[in-house]
Amino acid sequence: MNQRNVAAEYVRRFRQWVDDRDAARDWSDYVNGSKLSRADIISECGFGRSVLRQNPGVEAALAALEERLREEGILDMDGQAAPLVDVGADVGTRNTSNKVIEKQLLKAKSNADDRVQALEEQNAVLRAQVTDLRNQLKQFHLIQIHLNETGRLLIP
């Protein structure tokens, strides 16, 4: 593929990612202050960080997307935190905000549960290693006693 085709493919991937996020309505998972998380974008789109700066199509699409999300109140405005719920917001908006918060909490709990499970597995492996090493130590101690009793043990 030539450079133009590669650049167009990156724009297509980015737009597909945006469409997926719009469909899932999970923009809050990608918010990093007044911007979207670049690390998440490049990871999920499958291209390098330089594409965000050097591909004019992706750069323009990202800027337009962030502006749209600021207007919708999803991203912070000029470094000021956007309120989760407007004082005059209707019940539907509050329910949406509560759902977003609930989703974030469930994601954090899931991550914590995964971490605990991984640590428990690691702990089990280490306990098995300790048991094996203790058994080896007993064997070496018995060998040392035998060599000492038979006079074949060299004492430094």
N, C-alpha and C. Protein backbone atom coordinates (compact mmCIF):
# COMPACT_ATOMS: atom_id res chain seq x y z
N MET A 1 0.83 -1.18 0.00
CA MET A 1 0.00 0.00 0.00
C MET A 1 0.88 1.25 0.00
N ASN A 2 0.46 2.26 -0.75
CA ASN A 2 1.23 3.50 -0.74
C ASN A 2 0.80 4.36 0.44
N GLN A 3 1.49 5.47 0.62
CA GLN A 3 1.27 6.34 1.78
C GLN A 3 -0.17 6.89 1.83
N ARG A 4 -0.71 7.25 0.67
CA ARG A 4 -2.08 7.78 0.65
C ARG A 4 -3.08 6.73 1.11
N ASN A 5 -2.89 5.52 0.65
CA ASN A 5 -3.80 4.44 1.06
C ASN A 5 -3.69 4.16 2.55
N VAL A 6 -2.46 4.20 3.06
CA VAL A 6 -2.25 3.97 4.49
C VAL A 6 -2.91 5.09 5.29
N ALA A 7 -2.72 6.34 4.86
CA ALA A 7 -3.32 7.48 5.55
C ALA A 7 -4.84 7.38 5.52
N ALA A 8 -5.39 7.01 4.39
CA ALA A 8 -6.85 6.86 4.27
C ALA A 8 -7.36 5.73 5.15
N GLU A 9 -6.59 4.66 5.26
CA GLU A 9 -6.98 3.54 6.13
C GLU A 9 -7.01 3.98 7.59
N TYR A 10 -6.05 4.80 8.00
CA TYR A 10 -6.04 5.30 9.38
C TYR A 10 -7.26 6.18 9.65
N VAL A 11 -7.62 7.02 8.68
CA VAL A 11 -8.81 7.86 8.84
C VAL A 11 -10.05 6.97 8.95
N ARG A 12 -10.12 5.93 8.10
CA ARG A 12 -11.26 5.02 8.13
C ARG A 12 -11.35 4.31 9.48
N ARG A 13 -10.21 3.85 10.01
CA ARG A 13 -10.19 3.18 11.33
C ARG A 13 -10.67 4.13 12.42
N PHE A 14 -10.18 5.37 12.36
CA PHE A 14 -10.57 6.34 13.39
C PHE A 14 -12.06 6.61 13.33
N ARG A 15 -12.59 6.82 12.13
CA ARG A 15 -14.03 7.09 12.00
C ARG A 15 -14.86 5.89 12.45
N GLN A 16 -14.38 4.69 12.17
CA GLN A 16 -15.09 3.49 12.63
C GLN A 16 -15.08 3.42 14.15
N TRP A 17 -13.95 3.78 14.75
CA TRP A 17 -13.85 3.80 16.21
C TRP A 17 -14.83 4.81 16.80
N VAL A 18 -14.92 6.00 16.17
CA VAL A 18 -15.86 7.02 16.63
C VAL A 18 -17.28 6.50 16.53
N ASP A 19 -17.62 5.86 15.41
CA ASP A 19 -18.97 5.30 15.24
C ASP A 19 -19.27 4.25 16.31
N ASP A 20 -18.26 3.42 16.61
CA ASP A 20 -18.44 2.40 17.66
C ASP A 20 -18.68 3.05 19.02
N ARG A 21 -17.93 4.11 19.33
CA ARG A 21 -18.11 4.79 20.61
C ARG A 21 -19.47 5.48 20.67
N ASP A 22 -19.89 6.08 19.56
CA ASP A 22 -21.22 6.71 19.54
C ASP A 22 -22.31 5.67 19.77
N ALA A 23 -22.15 4.51 19.15
CA ALA A 23 -23.16 3.46 19.31
C ALA A 23 -23.18 2.93 20.74
N ALA A 24 -22.00 2.77 21.32
CA ALA A 24 -21.91 2.24 22.69
C ALA A 24 -22.19 3.32 23.74
N ARG A 25 -22.10 4.58 23.35
CA ARG A 25 -22.29 5.71 24.27
C ARG A 25 -21.39 5.59 25.50
N ASP A 26 -20.12 5.24 25.26
CA ASP A 26 -19.18 5.05 26.36
C ASP A 26 -18.03 6.05 26.31
N TRP A 27 -18.31 7.26 25.87
CA TRP A 27 -17.27 8.28 25.77
C TRP A 27 -16.61 8.55 27.11
N SER A 28 -17.35 8.42 28.19
CA SER A 28 -16.78 8.73 29.51
C SER A 28 -15.60 7.83 29.84
N ASP A 29 -15.53 6.65 29.22
CA ASP A 29 -14.40 5.75 29.46
C ASP A 29 -13.11 6.26 28.83
N TYR A 30 -13.22 7.22 27.91
CA TYR A 30 -12.07 7.70 27.16
C TYR A 30 -11.70 9.14 27.50
N VAL A 31 -12.41 9.74 28.45
CA VAL A 31 -12.17 11.13 28.80
C VAL A 31 -10.93 11.24 29.68
N ASN A 32 -10.08 12.19 29.33
CA ASN A 32 -8.90 12.50 30.11
C ASN A 32 -8.84 14.02 30.25
N GLY A 33 -9.64 14.56 31.17
CA GLY A 33 -9.70 16.00 31.36
C GLY A 33 -10.44 16.68 30.23
N SER A 34 -9.74 17.55 29.51
CA SER A 34 -10.38 18.27 28.41
C SER A 34 -10.09 17.62 27.06
N LYS A 35 -9.52 16.43 27.09
CA LYS A 35 -9.20 15.70 25.85
C LYS A 35 -9.61 14.25 25.99
N LEU A 36 -9.59 13.56 24.87
CA LEU A 36 -9.78 12.12 24.89
C LEU A 36 -8.41 11.47 25.12
N SER A 37 -8.41 10.32 25.72
CA SER A 37 -7.16 9.61 25.99
C SER A 37 -6.52 9.15 24.69
N ARG A 38 -5.39 9.73 24.37
CA ARG A 38 -4.68 9.36 23.14
C ARG A 38 -4.22 7.91 23.19
N ALA A 39 -3.81 7.45 24.36
CA ALA A 39 -3.32 6.07 24.50
C ALA A 39 -4.43 5.07 24.16
N ASP A 40 -5.64 5.34 24.64
CA ASP A 40 -6.76 4.46 24.33
C ASP A 40 -7.09 4.49 22.84
N ILE A 41 -7.04 5.67 22.25
CA ILE A 41 -7.37 5.81 20.82
C ILE A 41 -6.40 5.01 19.98
N ILE A 42 -5.10 5.21 20.20
CA ILE A 42 -4.12 4.51 19.34
C ILE A 42 -4.15 3.01 19.59
N SER A 43 -4.43 2.62 20.82
CA SER A 43 -4.50 1.20 21.13
C SER A 43 -5.67 0.54 20.40
N GLU A 44 -6.82 1.18 20.46
CA GLU A 44 -8.01 0.57 19.87
C GLU A 44 -8.08 0.74 18.36
N CYS A 45 -7.45 1.78 17.83
CA CYS A 45 -7.46 1.97 16.38
C CYS A 45 -6.32 1.21 15.70
N GLY A 46 -5.31 0.83 16.47
CA GLY A 46 -4.22 0.03 15.92
C GLY A 46 -3.22 0.81 15.09
N PHE A 47 -2.96 2.05 15.49
CA PHE A 47 -1.90 2.80 14.82
C PHE A 47 -1.06 3.53 15.85
N GLY A 48 0.06 4.10 15.40
CA GLY A 48 1.00 4.75 16.30
C GLY A 48 0.56 6.14 16.70
N ARG A 49 1.16 6.65 17.78
CA ARG A 49 0.84 7.98 18.28
C ARG A 49 1.11 9.06 17.23
N SER A 50 2.12 8.84 16.40
CA SER A 50 2.47 9.84 15.39
C SER A 50 1.34 10.08 14.40
N VAL A 51 0.48 9.09 14.19
CA VAL A 51 -0.64 9.26 13.27
C VAL A 51 -1.55 10.39 13.73
N LEU A 52 -1.73 10.53 15.04
CA LEU A 52 -2.60 11.59 15.57
C LEU A 52 -2.05 12.98 15.26
N ARG A 53 -0.73 13.10 15.12
CA ARG A 53 -0.12 14.41 14.85
C ARG A 53 0.21 14.62 13.38
N GLN A 54 0.52 13.54 12.67
CA GLN A 54 1.05 13.70 11.31
C GLN A 54 0.03 13.39 10.21
N ASN A 55 -1.07 12.76 10.53
CA ASN A 55 -2.09 12.48 9.52
C ASN A 55 -3.14 13.58 9.60
N PRO A 56 -3.19 14.47 8.59
CA PRO A 56 -4.12 15.61 8.65
C PRO A 56 -5.58 15.17 8.79
N GLY A 57 -5.96 14.09 8.15
CA GLY A 57 -7.34 13.62 8.23
C GLY A 57 -7.72 13.18 9.63
N VAL A 58 -6.85 12.39 10.26
CA VAL A 58 -7.11 11.93 11.62
C VAL A 58 -7.04 13.09 12.59
N GLU A 59 -6.06 13.97 12.41
CA GLU A 59 -5.91 15.12 13.29
C GLU A 59 -7.15 16.02 13.25
N ALA A 60 -7.65 16.29 12.06
CA ALA A 60 -8.83 17.14 11.91
C ALA A 60 -10.07 16.45 12.48
N ALA A 61 -10.20 15.15 12.22
CA ALA A 61 -11.36 14.41 12.73
C ALA A 61 -11.34 14.36 14.25
N LEU A 62 -10.16 14.21 14.84
CA LEU A 62 -10.05 14.18 16.30
C LEU A 62 -10.40 15.54 16.89
N ALA A 63 -9.91 16.61 16.28
CA ALA A 63 -10.22 17.96 16.77
C ALA A 63 -11.72 18.23 16.69
N ALA A 64 -12.34 17.84 15.58
CA ALA A 64 -13.78 18.04 15.42
C ALA A 64 -14.56 17.20 16.43
N LEU A 65 -14.11 15.99 16.66
CA LEU A 65 -14.76 15.11 17.63
C LEU A 65 -14.69 15.70 19.03
N GLU A 66 -13.50 16.16 19.44
CA GLU A 66 -13.36 16.73 20.77
C GLU A 66 -14.19 18.00 20.93
N GLU A 67 -14.29 18.80 19.88
CA GLU A 67 -15.13 19.99 19.94
C GLU A 67 -16.60 19.59 20.11
N ARG A 68 -17.03 18.59 19.36
CA ARG A 68 -18.41 18.11 19.50
C ARG A 68 -18.69 17.60 20.91
N LEU A 69 -17.72 16.84 21.46
CA LEU A 69 -17.90 16.30 22.80
C LEU A 69 -17.90 17.40 23.86
N ARG A 70 -17.16 18.48 23.64
CA ARG A 70 -17.20 19.63 24.55
C ARG A 70 -18.58 20.28 24.51
N GLU A 71 -19.11 20.44 23.30
CA GLU A 71 -20.44 21.03 23.16
C GLU A 71 -21.51 20.17 23.82
N GLU A 72 -21.32 18.85 23.79
CA GLU A 72 -22.28 17.95 24.42
C GLU A 72 -22.07 17.84 25.93
N GLY A 73 -20.99 18.45 26.43
CA GLY A 73 -20.72 18.43 27.86
C GLY A 73 -20.01 17.19 28.33
N ILE A 74 -19.49 16.39 27.41
CA ILE A 74 -18.78 15.16 27.79
C ILE A 74 -17.34 15.48 28.17
N LEU A 75 -16.70 16.38 27.43
CA LEU A 75 -15.34 16.81 27.74
C LEU A 75 -15.37 18.13 28.49
N ASP A 76 -14.32 18.37 29.30
CA ASP A 76 -14.19 19.63 30.03
C ASP A 76 -14.03 20.78 29.05
N MET A 77 -14.45 21.94 29.49
CA MET A 77 -14.29 23.16 28.71
C MET A 77 -13.07 23.92 29.22
N ASP A 78 -12.07 24.11 28.40
CA ASP A 78 -10.90 24.93 28.73
C ASP A 78 -10.29 24.59 30.08
N GLY A 79 -10.19 23.31 30.37
CA GLY A 79 -9.57 22.90 31.62
C GLY A 79 -10.49 22.95 32.82
N GLN A 80 -11.70 23.52 32.68
CA GLN A 80 -12.66 23.56 33.78
C GLN A 80 -13.48 22.30 33.73
N ALA A 81 -13.71 21.71 34.87
CA ALA A 81 -14.46 20.46 34.91
C ALA A 81 -15.91 20.71 34.50
N ALA A 82 -16.39 19.89 33.59
CA ALA A 82 -17.80 19.97 33.20
C ALA A 82 -18.62 19.24 34.25
N PRO A 83 -19.74 19.83 34.65
CA PRO A 83 -20.55 19.16 35.67
C PRO A 83 -21.14 17.87 35.14
N LEU A 84 -21.23 16.86 36.02
CA LEU A 84 -21.84 15.61 35.61
C LEU A 84 -23.32 15.79 35.35
N VAL A 85 -23.98 16.59 36.18
CA VAL A 85 -25.41 16.82 36.03
C VAL A 85 -25.66 18.31 36.15
N ASP A 86 -26.34 18.90 35.19
CA ASP A 86 -26.73 20.31 35.25
C ASP A 86 -27.74 20.50 36.36
N VAL A 87 -27.72 21.67 36.98
CA VAL A 87 -28.69 21.96 38.03
C VAL A 87 -30.10 21.88 37.45
N GLY A 88 -30.29 22.36 36.24
CA GLY A 88 -31.60 22.35 35.62
C GLY A 88 -31.84 21.14 34.73
N ALA A 89 -31.01 20.13 34.84
CA ALA A 89 -31.14 18.96 33.97
C ALA A 89 -32.39 18.17 34.32
N ASP A 90 -32.93 17.54 33.30
CA ASP A 90 -34.12 16.73 33.55
C ASP A 90 -33.73 15.37 34.11
N VAL A 91 -34.71 14.60 34.49
CA VAL A 91 -34.48 13.30 35.12
C VAL A 91 -33.74 12.36 34.19
N GLY A 92 -34.01 12.43 32.89
CA GLY A 92 -33.35 11.56 31.92
C GLY A 92 -31.85 11.77 31.90
N THR A 93 -31.44 13.05 31.98
CA THR A 93 -30.00 13.36 31.99
C THR A 93 -29.37 12.84 33.27
N ARG A 94 -30.06 12.99 34.39
CA ARG A 94 -29.53 12.49 35.66
C ARG A 94 -29.39 10.98 35.62
N ASN A 95 -30.39 10.30 35.06
CA ASN A 95 -30.31 8.84 34.95
C ASN A 95 -29.14 8.42 34.08
N THR A 96 -28.92 9.17 32.99
CA THR A 96 -27.79 8.87 32.12
C THR A 96 -26.48 9.04 32.87
N SER A 97 -26.36 10.14 33.64
CA SER A 97 -25.14 10.38 34.41
C SER A 97 -24.95 9.29 35.45
N ASN A 98 -26.04 8.89 36.10
CA ASN A 98 -25.94 7.81 37.09
C ASN A 98 -25.51 6.51 36.44
N LYS A 99 -26.01 6.26 35.24
CA LYS A 99 -25.62 5.04 34.53
C LYS A 99 -24.13 5.08 34.17
N VAL A 100 -23.65 6.24 33.78
CA VAL A 100 -22.23 6.40 33.45
C VAL A 100 -21.37 6.13 34.69
N ILE A 101 -21.78 6.73 35.81
CA ILE A 101 -21.04 6.53 37.06
C ILE A 101 -21.09 5.07 37.47
N GLU A 102 -22.27 4.46 37.35
CA GLU A 102 -22.41 3.04 37.70
C GLU A 102 -21.53 2.18 36.81
N LYS A 103 -21.48 2.50 35.52
CA LYS A 103 -20.63 1.74 34.59
C LYS A 103 -19.16 1.88 34.96
N GLN A 104 -18.75 3.09 35.34
CA GLN A 104 -17.36 3.31 35.74
C GLN A 104 -17.03 2.52 37.00
N LEU A 105 -17.95 2.51 37.96
CA LEU A 105 -17.74 1.76 39.19
C LEU A 105 -17.65 0.26 38.92
N LEU A 106 -18.53 -0.24 38.05
CA LEU A 106 -18.48 -1.66 37.71
C LEU A 106 -17.17 -2.02 37.01
N LYS A 107 -16.70 -1.12 36.15
CA LYS A 107 -15.44 -1.36 35.46
C LYS A 107 -14.28 -1.37 36.46
N ALA A 108 -14.29 -0.43 37.41
CA ALA A 108 -13.23 -0.39 38.43
C ALA A 108 -13.27 -1.63 39.30
N LYS A 109 -14.48 -2.07 39.66
CA LYS A 109 -14.61 -3.28 40.48
C LYS A 109 -14.12 -4.50 39.71
N SER A 110 -14.46 -4.57 38.43
CA SER A 110 -14.01 -5.68 37.60
C SER A 110 -12.49 -5.70 37.51
N ASN A 111 -11.88 -4.53 37.33
CA ASN A 111 -10.42 -4.45 37.28
C ASN A 111 -9.80 -4.89 38.60
N ALA A 112 -10.41 -4.47 39.71
CA ALA A 112 -9.90 -4.87 41.02
C ALA A 112 -10.06 -6.37 41.22
N ASP A 113 -11.19 -6.92 40.81
CA ASP A 113 -11.40 -8.37 40.94
C ASP A 113 -10.38 -9.15 40.11
N ASP A 114 -10.12 -8.66 38.90
CA ASP A 114 -9.12 -9.32 38.05
C ASP A 114 -7.74 -9.27 38.70
N ARG A 115 -7.41 -8.14 39.29
CA ARG A 115 -6.11 -7.97 39.95
C ARG A 115 -5.99 -8.91 41.15
N VAL A 116 -7.06 -9.00 41.94
CA VAL A 116 -7.06 -9.90 43.10
C VAL A 116 -6.88 -11.34 42.64
N GLN A 117 -7.59 -11.73 41.59
CA GLN A 117 -7.48 -13.10 41.09
C GLN A 117 -6.05 -13.39 40.61
N ALA A 118 -5.45 -12.44 39.90
CA ALA A 118 -4.08 -12.62 39.42
C ALA A 118 -3.11 -12.75 40.59
N LEU A 119 -3.30 -11.94 41.64
CA LEU A 119 -2.42 -12.01 42.81
C LEU A 119 -2.61 -13.33 43.56
N GLU A 120 -3.85 -13.81 43.64
CA GLU A 120 -4.10 -15.09 44.30
C GLU A 120 -3.42 -16.23 43.54
N GLU A 121 -3.49 -16.18 42.21
CA GLU A 121 -2.81 -17.21 41.40
C GLU A 121 -1.30 -17.13 41.60
N GLN A 122 -0.76 -15.93 41.62
CA GLN A 122 0.67 -15.76 41.83
C GLN A 122 1.06 -16.26 43.21
N ASN A 123 0.24 -15.99 44.22
CA ASN A 123 0.49 -16.44 45.58
C ASN A 123 0.51 -17.97 45.63
N ALA A 124 -0.42 -18.61 44.94
CA ALA A 124 -0.47 -20.08 44.93
C ALA A 124 0.80 -20.66 44.30
N VAL A 125 1.26 -20.05 43.22
CA VAL A 125 2.49 -20.51 42.56
C VAL A 125 3.67 -20.35 43.51
N LEU A 126 3.76 -19.21 44.18
CA LEU A 126 4.88 -18.98 45.10
C LEU A 126 4.83 -19.93 46.29
N ARG A 127 3.64 -20.22 46.80
CA ARG A 127 3.52 -21.18 47.91
C ARG A 127 3.99 -22.57 47.48
N ALA A 128 3.66 -22.97 46.26
CA ALA A 128 4.11 -24.27 45.76
C ALA A 128 5.63 -24.29 45.63
N GLN A 129 6.21 -23.18 45.18
CA GLN A 129 7.67 -23.11 45.07
C GLN A 129 8.32 -23.19 46.44
N VAL A 130 7.76 -22.52 47.43
CA VAL A 130 8.30 -22.55 48.79
C VAL A 130 8.27 -23.98 49.32
N THR A 131 7.16 -24.67 49.12
CA THR A 131 7.05 -26.05 49.58
C THR A 131 8.10 -26.93 48.91
N ASP A 132 8.27 -26.77 47.61
CA ASP A 132 9.27 -27.55 46.87
C ASP A 132 10.68 -27.24 47.39
N LEU A 133 10.98 -25.98 47.62
CA LEU A 133 12.31 -25.61 48.10
C LEU A 133 12.56 -26.13 49.52
N ARG A 134 11.54 -26.15 50.36
CA ARG A 134 11.69 -26.71 51.71
C ARG A 134 11.99 -28.20 51.63
N ASN A 135 11.30 -28.90 50.73
CA ASN A 135 11.59 -30.34 50.57
C ASN A 135 13.01 -30.57 50.08
N GLN A 136 13.47 -29.75 49.15
CA GLN A 136 14.84 -29.87 48.67
C GLN A 136 15.83 -29.58 49.79
N LEU A 137 15.54 -28.59 50.62
CA LEU A 137 16.42 -28.25 51.73
C LEU A 137 16.53 -29.42 52.71
N LYS A 138 15.40 -30.09 52.99
CA LYS A 138 15.44 -31.27 53.86
C LYS A 138 16.33 -32.36 53.28
N GLN A 139 16.19 -32.59 51.95
CA GLN A 139 17.01 -33.61 51.30
C GLN A 139 18.49 -33.25 51.39
N PHE A 140 18.83 -32.01 51.12
CA PHE A 140 20.23 -31.59 51.19
C PHE A 140 20.76 -31.68 52.62
N HIS A 141 19.92 -31.40 53.59
CA HIS A 141 20.32 -31.51 54.98
C HIS A 141 20.62 -32.97 55.33
N LEU A 142 19.76 -33.88 54.87
CA LEU A 142 20.01 -35.32 55.10
C LEU A 142 21.29 -35.79 54.42
N ILE A 143 21.53 -35.30 53.21
CA ILE A 143 22.77 -35.66 52.50
C ILE A 143 23.97 -35.13 53.26
N GLN A 144 23.87 -33.91 53.77
CA GLN A 144 24.97 -33.31 54.53
C GLN A 144 25.24 -34.13 55.80
N ILE A 145 24.21 -34.54 56.49
CA ILE A 145 24.38 -35.37 57.69
C ILE A 145 25.07 -36.68 57.33
N HIS A 146 24.62 -37.32 56.26
CA HIS A 146 25.21 -38.59 55.84
C HIS A 146 26.69 -38.41 55.48
N LEU A 147 27.01 -37.39 54.71
CA LEU A 147 28.40 -37.15 54.32
C LEU A 147 29.26 -36.83 55.54
N ASN A 148 28.70 -36.13 56.49
CA ASN A 148 29.43 -35.78 57.71
C ASN A 148 29.70 -37.04 58.54
N GLU A 149 28.71 -37.93 58.66
CA GLU A 149 28.87 -39.16 59.44
C GLU A 149 29.86 -40.12 58.80
N THR A 150 29.92 -40.13 57.45
CA THR A 150 30.82 -41.04 56.76
C THR A 150 32.20 -40.44 56.56
N GLY A 151 32.34 -39.20 56.95
CA GLY A 151 33.65 -38.57 56.86
C GLY A 151 33.98 -38.07 55.47
N ARG A 152 33.05 -37.98 54.60
CA ARG A 152 33.31 -37.51 53.26
C ARG A 152 32.98 -36.03 53.07
N LEU A 153 32.51 -35.40 54.11
CA LEU A 153 32.14 -33.99 54.02
C LEU A 153 33.38 -33.14 54.23
N LEU A 154 33.65 -32.28 53.29
CA LEU A 154 34.77 -31.36 53.42
C LEU A 154 34.28 -30.13 54.15
N ILE A 155 34.89 -29.84 55.27
CA ILE A 155 34.51 -28.68 56.06
C ILE A 155 35.48 -27.56 55.73
N PRO A 156 34.96 -26.44 55.26
CA PRO A 156 35.86 -25.33 54.89
C PRO A 156 36.46 -24.66 56.09
